[in-house]
Every structure is written in C-alpha cells, then in structure tokens.
Amino acid sequence: MDRKELKNKYKATTPAMGIYQIRNTTNGRIFLGNSVNLHGIINRTRFQLKNGLHQNEQMQRDFLDVGEANFAFEILDTLEPKEDAKGDCAEELDMLEDLWLERLRAAVEKGYNRG
C-alpha cells in the first residue's frame, strides 16, 4: 500500500468509542468518562495533565504531585457503532457510562468525578 492509500484507510477508520478511566495508582481515585474517540480523549487528557491544563483541579494536583507513572489510562468498555445509526451515539454512551458509574460506585464516590 502506498502512502495515499494508507492515509485514506486511516481517514475511513471509525475510532473506538466507549468508556475510559484514569486511575491514580497511589490512592485508588478514578476519573470515569465516555468518548466517541477513546484514544483521542486519552491522549488529550494525558497532554493536559502533563502541561497543568486539566480542568479537574484535584486530579491535576495529584498528577503533578505523584507523576504520570502513577496514573493508569484504561479503556473499560467499547461501544460498536450501529450500522443503521445516523452517527450520534451520545445517548448510548451516557447510558453505558451510567452503568459503569453504578458498577464502580464506591471508587467513583471517592474519585475525581464528584464535584
């Protein structure tokens, strides 16, 4: 495959969407979220945390205190796009996130998602 074909193939690829968590391995606190582009949101969040730009002040403070090596960026669940869907999966992602919030309630209550 030449460069142009590879580029077109990349553009045609649907990014993985679903639920992710960012876990502080020193204190067990987690941040749970959803995205239509899991790898993109993880890369963006890692960049923001490294540069002191993340909006979650407590997670940002902890990240700077203990360092990137003590944070795990994990994909918990993926959602396959439905072929008959018209592209908007926000409602399904929110429902899936609610299920994970319930499943991980104790961790989330002590985590970064609250307030």
Protein backbone atom coordinates (compact mmCIF):
# COMPACT_ATOMS: atom_id res chain seq x y z
CA MET A 1 0.00 0.00 0.00
CA ASP A 2 1.31 3.41 -0.85
CA ARG A 3 1.16 6.45 1.43
CA LYS A 4 -2.03 7.84 -0.13
CA GLU A 5 -3.88 4.54 0.32
CA LEU A 6 -2.76 4.33 3.94
CA LYS A 7 -3.92 7.88 4.59
CA ASN A 8 -7.33 7.19 3.05
CA LYS A 9 -7.67 3.96 5.02
CA TYR A 10 -6.86 5.84 8.24
CA LYS A 11 -9.45 8.53 7.48
CA ALA A 12 -12.11 5.89 6.79
CA THR A 13 -11.45 4.07 10.07
CA THR A 14 -14.02 4.71 12.78
CA PRO A 15 -12.28 5.44 16.10
CA ALA A 16 -13.07 3.27 19.11
CA MET A 17 -15.76 4.77 21.34
CA GLY A 18 -16.80 3.84 24.83
CA ILE A 19 -15.87 4.23 28.50
CA TYR A 20 -12.45 5.06 29.91
CA GLN A 21 -10.98 5.60 33.33
CA ILE A 22 -7.96 7.41 34.63
CA ARG A 23 -6.78 5.75 37.83
CA ASN A 24 -4.37 7.14 40.40
CA THR A 25 -2.50 4.00 41.45
CA THR A 26 -1.20 5.60 44.66
CA ASN A 27 -4.58 6.39 46.23
CA GLY A 28 -7.07 4.45 44.07
CA ARG A 29 -9.05 7.50 42.99
CA ILE A 30 -10.52 7.29 39.50
CA PHE A 31 -11.98 9.55 36.88
CA LEU A 32 -14.57 7.92 34.64
CA GLY A 33 -15.70 9.28 31.29
CA ASN A 34 -17.02 8.45 27.84
CA SER A 35 -15.95 9.49 24.38
CA VAL A 36 -16.65 8.83 20.71
CA ASN A 37 -12.85 8.68 20.30
CA LEU A 38 -11.25 6.82 23.20
CA HIS A 39 -7.65 7.06 22.05
CA GLY A 40 -8.10 10.74 21.26
CA ILE A 41 -9.55 11.62 24.67
CA ILE A 42 -6.86 9.66 26.48
CA ASN A 43 -4.12 11.40 24.50
CA ARG A 44 -5.72 14.80 25.08
CA THR A 45 -6.18 14.20 28.81
CA ARG A 46 -2.60 12.98 29.21
CA PHE A 47 -1.37 16.11 27.39
CA GLN A 48 -3.50 18.39 29.57
CA LEU A 49 -2.31 16.73 32.78
CA LYS A 50 1.36 16.84 31.74
CA ASN A 51 1.05 20.56 31.00
CA GLY A 52 -1.02 21.55 34.03
CA LEU A 53 -4.09 22.35 31.93
CA HIS A 54 -6.70 19.84 33.08
CA GLN A 55 -9.97 21.28 34.38
CA ASN A 56 -10.30 18.78 37.25
CA GLU A 57 -8.22 20.57 39.85
CA GLN A 58 -7.84 17.66 42.29
CA MET A 59 -6.76 15.20 39.60
CA GLN A 60 -4.38 17.80 38.15
CA ARG A 61 -2.85 18.42 41.58
CA ASP A 62 -2.43 14.70 42.25
CA PHE A 63 -0.92 14.14 38.80
CA LEU A 64 1.69 16.83 39.41
CA ASP A 65 2.37 15.52 42.94
CA VAL A 66 2.84 11.81 42.17
CA GLY A 67 3.72 11.90 38.46
CA GLU A 68 2.46 10.26 35.29
CA ALA A 69 3.96 6.86 36.17
CA ASN A 70 1.39 6.59 38.99
CA PHE A 71 -1.63 7.12 36.73
CA ALA A 72 -3.19 4.41 34.59
CA PHE A 73 -5.21 5.36 31.50
CA GLU A 74 -7.56 2.48 30.75
CA ILE A 75 -10.35 1.62 28.33
CA LEU A 76 -13.10 -0.15 30.26
CA ASP A 77 -15.71 -0.79 27.59
CA THR A 78 -16.26 -0.12 23.91
CA LEU A 79 -19.42 0.55 22.00
CA GLU A 80 -19.80 -0.70 18.47
CA PRO A 81 -21.49 1.79 16.16
CA LYS A 82 -24.76 0.55 14.78
CA GLU A 83 -24.91 0.45 11.02
CA ASP A 84 -28.42 1.92 10.98
CA ALA A 85 -27.49 4.74 13.39
CA LYS A 86 -27.17 8.21 11.97
CA GLY A 87 -23.87 8.92 13.75
CA ASP A 88 -24.96 10.25 17.17
CA CYS A 89 -24.17 7.76 19.89
CA ALA A 90 -24.12 10.24 22.80
CA GLU A 91 -27.22 8.81 24.47
CA GLU A 92 -25.89 5.26 24.31
CA LEU A 93 -22.51 6.37 25.64
CA ASP A 94 -24.18 8.20 28.53
CA MET A 95 -26.21 5.10 29.43
CA LEU A 96 -23.09 2.92 29.27
CA GLU A 97 -21.23 5.41 31.47
CA ASP A 98 -24.10 5.36 33.98
CA LEU A 99 -23.79 1.56 34.16
CA TRP A 100 -20.07 1.85 34.86
CA LEU A 101 -20.63 4.61 37.43
CA GLU A 102 -23.02 2.28 39.25
CA ARG A 103 -20.63 -0.68 38.95
CA LEU A 104 -17.72 1.35 40.32
CA ARG A 105 -19.81 3.46 42.71
CA ALA A 106 -17.51 3.16 45.74
CA ALA A 107 -14.44 4.10 43.72
CA VAL A 108 -16.25 6.92 41.93
CA GLU A 109 -17.65 8.38 45.18
CA LYS A 110 -14.08 8.71 46.43
CA GLY A 111 -12.81 9.62 42.99
CA TYR A 112 -12.38 12.62 40.76
CA ASN A 113 -15.87 12.69 39.18
CA ARG A 114 -17.59 14.23 42.16
CA GLY A 115 -17.60 17.99 42.40
